[in-house]
Amino acid sequence: MHVAIVGNGVTGVTAATRIRQKQPTWKISLISGESTHHYSRPALMYIFMGHMMYRHTKPFEDAFWEEQRLELIRDWVTGIDTPGKRLMLYKRQSLAYDRLLIATGSKPNRIGCVAEHLAGVQGLYGLPDLQTLYENVKHTRRAVITGGGLIGIELAEMLHGRGIEVTLLIKESSYWNRILPPEESAMVSRIIEEQGIRLIGNTRLREILDNGSGRVGGVLTDAGERIDCDFVGTTIGVSPNIDLLRNTSIETGRGVLVDDSFRTSVTDVFAAGDCAEIVNRNGRPNLIQQVWYTGKLQGEVAGSVIAGEERTYAPGIWYNSAKFFDLEYQVYGQVNLGLPGEKNLYWEHPGGRASVRIVYTDEGVIGFNFMGARGRHRICERWIVEQRPLSYVLEHLDQAEFDPEFAQRVAPAVRRMAKEQAA
C-alpha cells in the first residue's frame, strides 16, 4: 500500500506519522515543492527578526524522516489522475498511489490591483515570500500594509523592527474588530500606534502606483489619499488552496468538500487542513478551519482513517493565540459572537496593557479572552465543557493563571471588580 500526501505542513506531516504508527509496512510519500523538510510556518517572523534560524523551525531532525521511512519528494504536483491513481509532477515522472491525502493548505488572497505585479509588492505566507522580503527591504524606507489580520500585524512589526516607516490600512474602524471585542480591539489599536505605526481605519487600498521603473512608488486609498512608499504588503487573508483540483472529479466548494472523516467524493482520496471544507449535514454552514492546532487535529484523524481506523472529527473548544508586539493574546470558546443570553465580565488593568474577559450565560461560562495575561488551556477548556457558573470560575480563577510565580497576578483584581459590579 502506497499513501501519497500532497503538502508537508502540519496536517500532512501529522497524518504521515499517524499512518506510520498504525501501518509499519506501508510506503508513505510526502510531496512539496516549497521545502524538503517540514517547518513551522508561524515562525517566519522570528527568522526575519533574527530570533531564530531556519533550522530551528524544523520540529524534527533531518534523520527522522529516514528513520520513519517517510519518503520526501521535493517537487510540485501539477495534476491528479484520479481514475489512474497517479500524480503528475513538474520535475519527474508521475507517481502512482493507492490512497491520496490532499493537504495543500491555503493561499493568500489577491487584492485585485492591476499593478500587483510590481517589484516591492508581496504577501507573507511561506519560505519563498521570506526570501523575497529580504530582497525587498533593501529598497524600502516606507511601507504600506493592507489587511488587518494577524499576518498584517506581524509584517508591520517585522518591517518596523528594521527602521522602516509603516502605515497599516484596515477596512474595520479599529484593528481586527471583527474578531476582538471592542475593548480589546481598542487596546491593540492603541499599542500599534504607540509603536509609531500609522493605523488608518475604514480604508481600503484602491490602486498601487508605479514609480516609473517597475517598482512600487506609492498607493491610493479609497478615500483618495496618496501615500508614498517603496513596499506594499498584501495581507488580506487566505483561501483554501484547491487550484490543483480544478480539472479533476473531486468535488470542491470554497475548499475540498469532505465528510467528517475527511473522505472526498472520490474513493481513496482524502483532504484535510486549511484546504478542506467539512460538509455539515444538519443544515449549518460548512466548516473551514485555518489555524495551526486544527490542522494538526485534522491530520491526526485523517491519518487514522487512511490507515484503516474508523474515526470522525470533533472540533472541540475553539482556541487561538497571537502576539501583538509584546502583547500576548489567547481566546478559548465563544467570544464576541453576540449569542442569545450572552453576558460579559470584562476587567482591564489601569495601565491598559492587560485584560481578562469571561463570557457566560445562565447555563455557565462559554468563553475567555486574555490580553497581556495567560490562561491555562486545559483548565479554561474544562470549565467551558463542564459549563461552570461564573461564581465558580471567579472563585477558582487563580488555577487558570499560567505560571503565576512569574506572571502578573490578575485573578484578585478580576474578583474585586466583579464584586463591585454586583454591589
Protein backbone atom coordinates (compact mmCIF):
# COMPACT_ATOMS: atom_id res chain seq x y z
CA MET A 1 0.00 0.00 0.00
CA HIS A 2 1.35 3.40 -1.04
CA VAL A 3 -0.03 6.61 0.51
CA ALA A 4 0.87 9.88 -1.19
CA ILE A 5 0.46 13.14 0.72
CA VAL A 6 0.48 16.42 -1.18
CA GLY A 7 1.82 19.03 1.23
CA ASN A 8 4.33 18.82 4.08
CA GLY A 9 2.73 21.27 6.51
CA VAL A 10 1.47 20.35 9.94
CA THR A 11 -1.56 18.49 8.58
CA GLY A 12 0.31 16.36 6.06
CA VAL A 13 3.16 15.53 8.43
CA THR A 14 0.83 14.69 11.32
CA ALA A 15 -1.14 12.39 9.04
CA ALA A 16 2.06 10.71 7.80
CA THR A 17 3.34 9.99 11.31
CA ARG A 18 -0.07 8.67 12.38
CA ILE A 19 -0.24 6.33 9.38
CA ARG A 20 3.28 5.08 10.12
CA GLN A 21 2.29 4.30 13.73
CA LYS A 22 -0.64 2.21 12.56
CA GLN A 23 0.81 0.72 9.37
CA PRO A 24 4.54 0.00 9.83
CA THR A 25 4.99 -1.62 6.39
CA TRP A 26 3.17 0.85 4.13
CA LYS A 27 5.03 3.18 1.79
CA ILE A 28 4.37 6.85 2.57
CA SER A 29 5.47 9.78 0.39
CA LEU A 30 5.23 13.49 1.19
CA ILE A 31 5.41 15.82 -1.82
CA SER A 32 6.16 19.54 -1.53
CA GLY A 33 7.76 21.98 -3.93
CA GLU A 34 8.30 24.63 -1.26
CA SER A 35 10.70 22.82 1.05
CA THR A 36 12.20 19.40 1.51
CA HIS A 37 11.55 19.31 5.24
CA HIS A 38 8.55 20.27 7.32
CA TYR A 39 8.98 23.60 9.14
CA SER A 40 6.86 25.81 11.38
CA ARG A 41 5.22 28.40 9.15
CA PRO A 42 4.27 30.71 12.07
CA ALA A 43 7.99 31.05 12.83
CA LEU A 44 8.78 33.00 9.62
CA MET A 45 8.52 36.25 11.56
CA TYR A 46 11.15 35.12 14.08
CA ILE A 47 13.56 34.06 11.37
CA PHE A 48 13.36 37.51 9.79
CA MET A 49 13.78 39.28 13.12
CA GLY A 50 16.86 37.22 13.95
CA HIS A 51 15.34 35.37 16.91
CA MET A 52 15.60 32.01 15.17
CA MET A 53 17.32 30.38 12.22
CA TYR A 54 15.53 28.24 9.66
CA ARG A 55 16.95 25.03 11.12
CA HIS A 56 15.37 25.91 14.46
CA THR A 57 11.90 25.93 12.88
CA LYS A 58 12.06 22.27 11.86
CA PRO A 59 10.26 20.22 14.56
CA PHE A 60 12.11 17.04 13.52
CA GLU A 61 15.77 16.30 12.95
CA ASP A 62 16.55 15.59 9.30
CA ALA A 63 17.34 11.98 10.19
CA PHE A 64 13.78 11.48 11.47
CA TRP A 65 12.30 11.01 8.01
CA GLU A 66 14.61 8.16 7.04
CA GLU A 67 14.19 6.55 10.45
CA GLN A 68 10.41 6.60 9.99
CA ARG A 69 10.74 5.53 6.35
CA LEU A 70 8.86 8.60 5.14
CA GLU A 71 9.86 9.47 1.58
CA LEU A 72 10.31 13.22 0.96
CA ILE A 73 9.83 14.35 -2.63
CA ARG A 74 10.81 17.95 -3.42
CA ASP A 75 8.57 18.66 -6.41
CA TRP A 76 5.36 20.37 -7.43
CA VAL A 77 2.25 18.33 -8.20
CA THR A 78 0.79 19.66 -11.45
CA GLY A 79 -2.20 17.35 -11.84
CA ILE A 80 -4.12 14.41 -10.40
CA ASP A 81 -5.31 11.45 -12.47
CA THR A 82 -7.92 10.02 -10.09
CA PRO A 83 -9.09 7.13 -12.33
CA GLY A 84 -5.49 6.04 -12.86
CA LYS A 85 -4.43 6.92 -9.30
CA ARG A 86 -1.39 8.91 -10.41
CA LEU A 87 0.08 12.31 -9.55
CA MET A 88 1.64 14.41 -12.32
CA LEU A 89 4.87 16.05 -11.13
CA TYR A 90 6.75 19.03 -12.51
CA LYS A 91 10.31 17.68 -12.35
CA ARG A 92 9.98 13.93 -12.52
CA GLN A 93 7.80 11.13 -13.80
CA SER A 94 4.30 10.64 -12.47
CA LEU A 95 3.83 8.99 -9.09
CA ALA A 96 1.37 6.14 -8.53
CA TYR A 97 -0.58 5.94 -5.28
CA ASP A 98 -3.14 3.70 -3.62
CA ARG A 99 -4.51 6.34 -1.26
CA LEU A 100 -4.07 10.09 -1.52
CA LEU A 101 -4.25 12.87 1.05
CA ILE A 102 -4.57 16.43 -0.20
CA ALA A 103 -3.05 18.74 2.41
CA THR A 104 -2.21 21.73 0.23
CA GLY A 105 -3.10 24.30 2.88
CA SER A 106 -4.23 27.78 1.98
CA LYS A 107 -3.09 30.54 -0.35
CA PRO A 108 -3.01 34.33 0.12
CA ASN A 109 -5.94 36.28 -1.27
CA ARG A 110 -5.14 38.65 -4.10
CA ILE A 111 -6.01 42.33 -3.81
CA GLY A 112 -7.00 42.60 -7.47
CA CYS A 113 -4.95 45.69 -8.40
CA VAL A 114 -3.54 45.83 -11.92
CA ALA A 115 -0.13 46.81 -10.50
CA GLU A 116 0.02 43.90 -8.07
CA HIS A 117 2.93 42.52 -10.14
CA LEU A 118 5.26 45.45 -9.35
CA ALA A 119 8.53 44.82 -7.55
CA GLY A 120 8.07 45.59 -3.86
CA VAL A 121 4.54 44.17 -3.68
CA GLN A 122 4.22 40.89 -1.80
CA GLY A 123 2.47 38.87 0.87
CA LEU A 124 3.95 36.74 3.64
CA TYR A 125 2.92 33.11 3.61
CA GLY A 126 5.85 30.76 3.03
CA LEU A 127 9.60 30.50 2.63
CA PRO A 128 9.66 32.00 -0.89
CA ASP A 129 7.92 35.11 0.48
CA LEU A 130 10.52 35.40 3.23
CA GLN A 131 13.32 35.22 0.68
CA THR A 132 11.60 37.92 -1.40
CA LEU A 133 11.18 40.08 1.69
CA TYR A 134 14.92 40.01 2.43
CA GLU A 135 15.50 41.47 -1.03
CA ASN A 136 12.66 43.99 -0.87
CA VAL A 137 13.69 45.57 2.42
CA LYS A 138 17.00 46.59 0.82
CA HIS A 139 15.00 49.11 -1.23
CA THR A 140 12.43 50.10 1.40
CA ARG A 141 12.20 53.18 3.60
CA ARG A 142 8.40 53.45 3.73
CA ALA A 143 5.89 50.60 3.64
CA VAL A 144 2.13 50.29 3.37
CA ILE A 145 0.41 47.11 4.54
CA THR A 146 -3.18 46.40 3.60
CA GLY A 147 -5.14 43.96 5.74
CA GLY A 148 -5.92 43.88 9.45
CA GLY A 149 -5.32 40.25 10.34
CA LEU A 150 -2.55 38.51 12.21
CA ILE A 151 -0.16 38.30 9.25
CA GLY A 152 -0.56 42.03 8.63
CA ILE A 153 0.45 43.00 12.15
CA GLU A 154 3.34 40.51 12.07
CA LEU A 155 4.64 42.02 8.83
CA ALA A 156 4.25 45.51 10.31
CA GLU A 157 6.36 44.51 13.31
CA MET A 158 8.98 42.88 11.08
CA LEU A 159 9.41 45.98 8.95
CA HIS A 160 9.16 48.39 11.89
CA GLY A 161 11.99 46.46 13.54
CA ARG A 162 14.19 47.32 10.53
CA GLY A 163 13.56 51.03 11.00
CA ILE A 164 11.05 51.20 8.13
CA GLU A 165 8.17 53.69 8.35
CA VAL A 166 4.95 51.62 8.29
CA THR A 167 1.34 52.53 7.50
CA LEU A 168 -1.31 49.89 8.15
CA LEU A 169 -4.61 50.13 6.22
CA ILE A 170 -7.58 48.27 7.69
CA LYS A 171 -11.16 48.14 6.46
CA GLU A 172 -12.51 47.99 10.02
CA SER A 173 -12.85 51.01 12.31
CA SER A 174 -10.24 49.56 14.70
CA TYR A 175 -7.80 46.67 14.49
CA TRP A 176 -9.38 43.21 13.98
CA ASN A 177 -12.71 44.24 15.49
CA ARG A 178 -14.49 41.50 13.53
CA ILE A 179 -12.77 39.07 15.90
CA LEU A 180 -11.83 41.04 19.01
CA PRO A 181 -14.44 42.65 21.26
CA PRO A 182 -14.39 46.47 21.17
CA GLU A 183 -12.24 46.97 24.28
CA GLU A 184 -9.56 44.52 23.21
CA SER A 185 -9.58 45.88 19.65
CA ALA A 186 -9.09 49.40 21.04
CA MET A 187 -6.22 48.15 23.22
CA VAL A 188 -4.37 46.58 20.29
CA SER A 189 -5.02 49.64 18.08
CA ARG A 190 -3.56 51.87 20.77
CA ILE A 191 -0.46 49.68 21.10
CA ILE A 192 0.06 49.66 17.33
CA GLU A 193 0.03 53.46 17.27
CA GLU A 194 2.26 53.70 20.36
CA GLN A 195 4.87 51.74 18.42
CA GLY A 196 4.96 54.52 15.83
CA ILE A 197 2.93 52.72 13.17
CA ARG A 198 0.29 54.78 11.39
CA LEU A 199 -3.03 52.92 11.61
CA ILE A 200 -5.77 54.06 9.20
CA GLY A 201 -9.21 52.55 9.74
CA ASN A 202 -12.24 52.32 7.46
CA THR A 203 -9.87 52.37 4.50
CA ARG A 204 -9.09 50.10 1.57
CA LEU A 205 -6.28 50.17 -0.93
CA ARG A 206 -7.61 51.32 -4.32
CA GLU A 207 -4.50 51.45 -6.51
CA ILE A 208 -0.79 50.67 -6.40
CA LEU A 209 1.37 53.26 -8.19
CA ASP A 210 4.40 52.54 -10.36
CA ASN A 211 7.47 54.66 -9.65
CA GLY A 212 8.30 54.59 -13.36
CA SER A 213 10.86 51.80 -13.18
CA GLY A 214 8.71 48.79 -12.41
CA ARG A 215 8.74 49.18 -8.64
CA VAL A 216 6.02 50.38 -6.33
CA GLY A 217 6.12 54.11 -5.70
CA GLY A 218 3.00 54.62 -3.63
CA VAL A 219 -0.65 53.77 -3.17
CA LEU A 220 -4.01 55.46 -3.46
CA THR A 221 -6.65 54.68 -0.86
CA ASP A 222 -10.38 54.56 -1.49
CA ALA A 223 -10.57 57.91 0.30
CA GLY A 224 -8.33 59.43 -2.39
CA GLU A 225 -5.23 59.79 -0.20
CA ARG A 226 -1.87 59.15 -1.83
CA ILE A 227 0.73 57.51 0.41
CA ASP A 228 4.26 57.35 -0.96
CA CYS A 229 6.02 54.07 -0.24
CA ASP A 230 8.60 51.61 -1.56
CA PHE A 231 6.83 48.46 -0.39
CA VAL A 232 3.25 47.17 -0.26
CA GLY A 233 2.39 44.21 1.94
CA THR A 234 -0.77 42.39 0.85
CA THR A 235 -2.20 40.54 3.85
CA ILE A 236 -5.95 40.38 3.24
CA GLY A 237 -6.44 36.82 4.37
CA VAL A 238 -6.16 33.37 2.85
CA SER A 239 -8.36 30.90 0.99
CA PRO A 240 -8.20 27.10 0.62
CA ASN A 241 -5.55 26.17 -1.92
CA ILE A 242 -7.55 23.98 -4.31
CA ASP A 243 -6.16 25.08 -7.69
CA LEU A 244 -4.72 21.61 -8.20
CA LEU A 245 -8.22 20.10 -8.22
CA ARG A 246 -9.82 22.34 -10.85
CA ASN A 247 -9.73 19.73 -13.64
CA THR A 248 -10.49 16.67 -11.52
CA SER A 249 -13.70 14.93 -10.48
CA ILE A 250 -13.01 15.73 -6.82
CA GLU A 251 -15.87 17.93 -5.62
CA THR A 252 -14.98 21.36 -4.30
CA GLY A 253 -16.75 24.39 -2.86
CA ARG A 254 -14.69 27.04 -1.16
CA GLY A 255 -12.40 24.15 -0.24
CA VAL A 256 -12.18 20.42 -0.95
CA LEU A 257 -15.53 19.01 0.13
CA VAL A 258 -15.07 16.25 2.71
CA ASP A 259 -17.14 14.37 5.26
CA ASP A 260 -16.25 14.36 8.95
CA SER A 261 -13.73 11.57 8.31
CA PHE A 262 -12.02 13.67 5.59
CA ARG A 263 -13.14 11.49 2.69
CA THR A 264 -13.70 13.35 -0.57
CA SER A 265 -16.19 12.48 -3.30
CA VAL A 266 -13.58 10.18 -4.90
CA THR A 267 -12.74 6.80 -3.38
CA ASP A 268 -9.31 6.61 -1.72
CA VAL A 269 -8.84 10.41 -1.92
CA PHE A 270 -8.86 12.40 1.32
CA ALA A 271 -8.31 16.07 2.18
CA ALA A 272 -7.59 17.79 5.50
CA GLY A 273 -6.26 21.02 6.97
CA ASP A 274 -6.65 24.53 5.60
CA CYS A 275 -7.76 23.28 2.18
CA ALA A 276 -10.63 21.12 3.47
CA GLU A 277 -14.27 22.15 3.73
CA ILE A 278 -16.15 19.82 6.06
CA VAL A 279 -19.72 19.37 4.83
CA ASN A 280 -22.25 19.87 7.62
CA ARG A 281 -25.27 17.62 7.15
CA ASN A 282 -27.54 19.31 9.72
CA GLY A 283 -28.14 22.50 7.76
CA ARG A 284 -25.44 24.57 9.44
CA PRO A 285 -22.67 26.19 7.35
CA ASN A 286 -19.79 24.02 6.18
CA LEU A 287 -16.66 24.22 8.31
CA ILE A 288 -13.29 25.58 7.17
CA GLN A 289 -10.66 25.90 9.91
CA GLN A 290 -7.34 27.56 9.18
CA VAL A 291 -5.25 27.64 12.33
CA TRP A 292 -2.27 25.50 13.31
CA TYR A 293 -3.84 23.37 16.02
CA THR A 294 -6.92 22.43 13.95
CA GLY A 295 -4.60 21.45 11.10
CA LYS A 296 -2.79 19.12 13.48
CA LEU A 297 -6.03 17.63 14.83
CA GLN A 298 -7.40 17.09 11.34
CA GLY A 299 -4.14 15.43 10.30
CA GLU A 300 -4.42 13.01 13.23
CA VAL A 301 -7.96 11.97 12.27
CA ALA A 302 -7.26 11.80 8.53
CA GLY A 303 -4.13 9.70 9.10
CA SER A 304 -6.05 7.28 11.30
CA VAL A 305 -8.86 6.91 8.76
CA ILE A 306 -6.43 6.40 5.86
CA ALA A 307 -4.70 3.70 7.93
CA GLY A 308 -8.00 1.84 8.33
CA GLU A 309 -9.45 3.13 11.62
CA GLU A 310 -12.99 4.48 11.75
CA ARG A 311 -12.86 7.98 13.23
CA THR A 312 -14.75 11.23 12.89
CA TYR A 313 -13.55 14.75 13.55
CA ALA A 314 -14.87 16.65 16.56
CA PRO A 315 -13.52 20.24 16.52
CA GLY A 316 -13.81 20.68 20.27
CA ILE A 317 -13.50 24.02 22.07
CA TRP A 318 -12.18 26.81 19.85
CA TYR A 319 -8.74 28.13 20.72
CA ASN A 320 -6.38 30.66 19.18
CA SER A 321 -3.40 32.71 20.29
CA ALA A 322 -1.29 35.51 18.91
CA LYS A 323 1.12 38.24 19.88
CA PHE A 324 0.78 41.93 19.01
CA PHE A 325 4.28 43.34 19.53
CA ASP A 326 4.79 42.44 23.22
CA LEU A 327 1.09 41.87 23.99
CA GLU A 328 0.04 38.22 24.19
CA TYR A 329 -3.50 37.15 23.26
CA GLN A 330 -5.44 33.96 23.93
CA VAL A 331 -9.06 33.08 23.25
CA TYR A 332 -10.96 29.99 24.37
CA GLY A 333 -14.51 29.11 23.36
CA GLN A 334 -17.15 31.54 22.14
CA VAL A 335 -16.24 35.22 22.40
CA ASN A 336 -17.65 38.27 20.59
CA LEU A 337 -20.40 36.27 18.87
CA GLY A 338 -23.39 38.09 20.37
CA LEU A 339 -25.15 34.84 21.25
CA PRO A 340 -28.62 34.91 22.86
CA GLY A 341 -28.32 35.34 26.61
CA GLU A 342 -24.59 36.13 26.40
CA LYS A 343 -23.10 38.19 29.24
CA ASN A 344 -19.59 39.58 29.60
CA LEU A 345 -17.43 40.25 32.64
CA TYR A 346 -14.53 42.44 31.49
CA TRP A 347 -11.55 43.61 33.54
CA GLU A 348 -8.77 45.82 32.21
CA HIS A 349 -5.59 46.78 34.02
CA PRO A 350 -5.38 50.54 34.74
CA GLY A 351 -2.24 50.66 32.60
CA GLY A 352 -4.19 49.45 29.58
CA ARG A 353 -1.80 46.57 28.81
CA ALA A 354 -3.72 43.60 30.18
CA SER A 355 -7.32 42.41 30.30
CA VAL A 356 -9.47 39.40 31.08
CA ARG A 357 -12.90 38.76 29.60
CA ILE A 358 -15.19 35.97 30.81
CA VAL A 359 -18.20 35.26 28.59
CA TYR A 360 -21.08 33.35 30.16
CA THR A 361 -24.80 32.61 30.05
CA ASP A 362 -27.21 31.41 32.71
CA GLU A 363 -26.06 27.87 31.86
CA GLY A 364 -22.38 28.58 32.54
CA VAL A 365 -19.17 30.01 31.12
CA ILE A 366 -18.76 29.78 27.32
CA GLY A 367 -15.58 31.72 26.58
CA PHE A 368 -12.44 33.52 27.78
CA ASN A 369 -10.32 36.30 26.28
CA PHE A 370 -6.90 37.05 27.76
CA MET A 371 -4.79 40.04 26.67
CA GLY A 372 -1.41 40.59 28.26
CA ALA A 373 -2.13 37.72 30.66
CA ARG A 374 -2.05 33.97 30.15
CA GLY A 375 -4.77 31.45 30.88
CA ARG A 376 -4.17 27.73 31.23
CA HIS A 377 -5.57 25.97 28.18
CA ARG A 378 -6.76 22.76 29.82
CA ILE A 379 -8.44 24.49 32.74
CA CYS A 380 -10.28 27.07 30.63
CA GLU A 381 -11.37 24.35 28.21
CA ARG A 382 -12.55 22.10 31.04
CA TRP A 383 -14.62 24.86 32.63
CA ILE A 384 -16.34 25.52 29.31
CA VAL A 385 -17.06 21.82 28.75
CA GLU A 386 -18.34 21.45 32.31
CA GLN A 387 -20.42 24.67 31.97
CA ARG A 388 -19.08 26.01 35.25
CA PRO A 389 -21.03 29.04 36.55
CA LEU A 390 -19.37 32.44 36.74
CA SER A 391 -19.23 32.26 40.55
CA TYR A 392 -17.18 29.05 40.39
CA VAL A 393 -14.83 30.46 37.75
CA LEU A 394 -14.18 33.61 39.77
CA GLU A 395 -13.54 31.65 42.95
CA HIS A 396 -11.02 29.37 41.20
CA LEU A 397 -9.59 31.82 38.68
CA ASP A 398 -6.12 31.57 40.24
CA GLN A 399 -5.95 28.00 38.93
CA ALA A 400 -6.31 29.27 35.36
CA GLU A 401 -3.44 31.75 35.60
CA PHE A 402 -0.45 30.46 33.68
CA ASP A 403 2.82 30.37 35.65
CA PRO A 404 1.64 32.78 38.37
CA GLU A 405 5.07 32.66 40.04
CA PHE A 406 6.46 34.84 37.25
CA ALA A 407 3.41 36.34 35.55
CA GLN A 408 1.27 39.26 36.63
CA ARG A 409 -1.47 38.09 39.02
CA VAL A 410 -4.85 39.22 37.73
CA ALA A 411 -7.37 36.95 39.48
CA PRO A 412 -7.70 39.06 42.68
CA ALA A 413 -8.34 42.21 40.65
CA VAL A 414 -10.95 40.46 38.48
CA ARG A 415 -12.76 39.20 41.59
CA ARG A 416 -12.74 42.65 43.19
CA MET A 417 -14.22 44.20 40.07
CA ALA A 418 -16.92 41.52 39.87
CA LYS A 419 -17.91 42.21 43.49
CA GLU A 420 -18.06 45.95 42.85
CA GLN A 421 -20.29 45.46 39.82
CA ALA A 422 -22.61 43.14 41.76
CA ALA A 423 -22.92 45.56 44.70
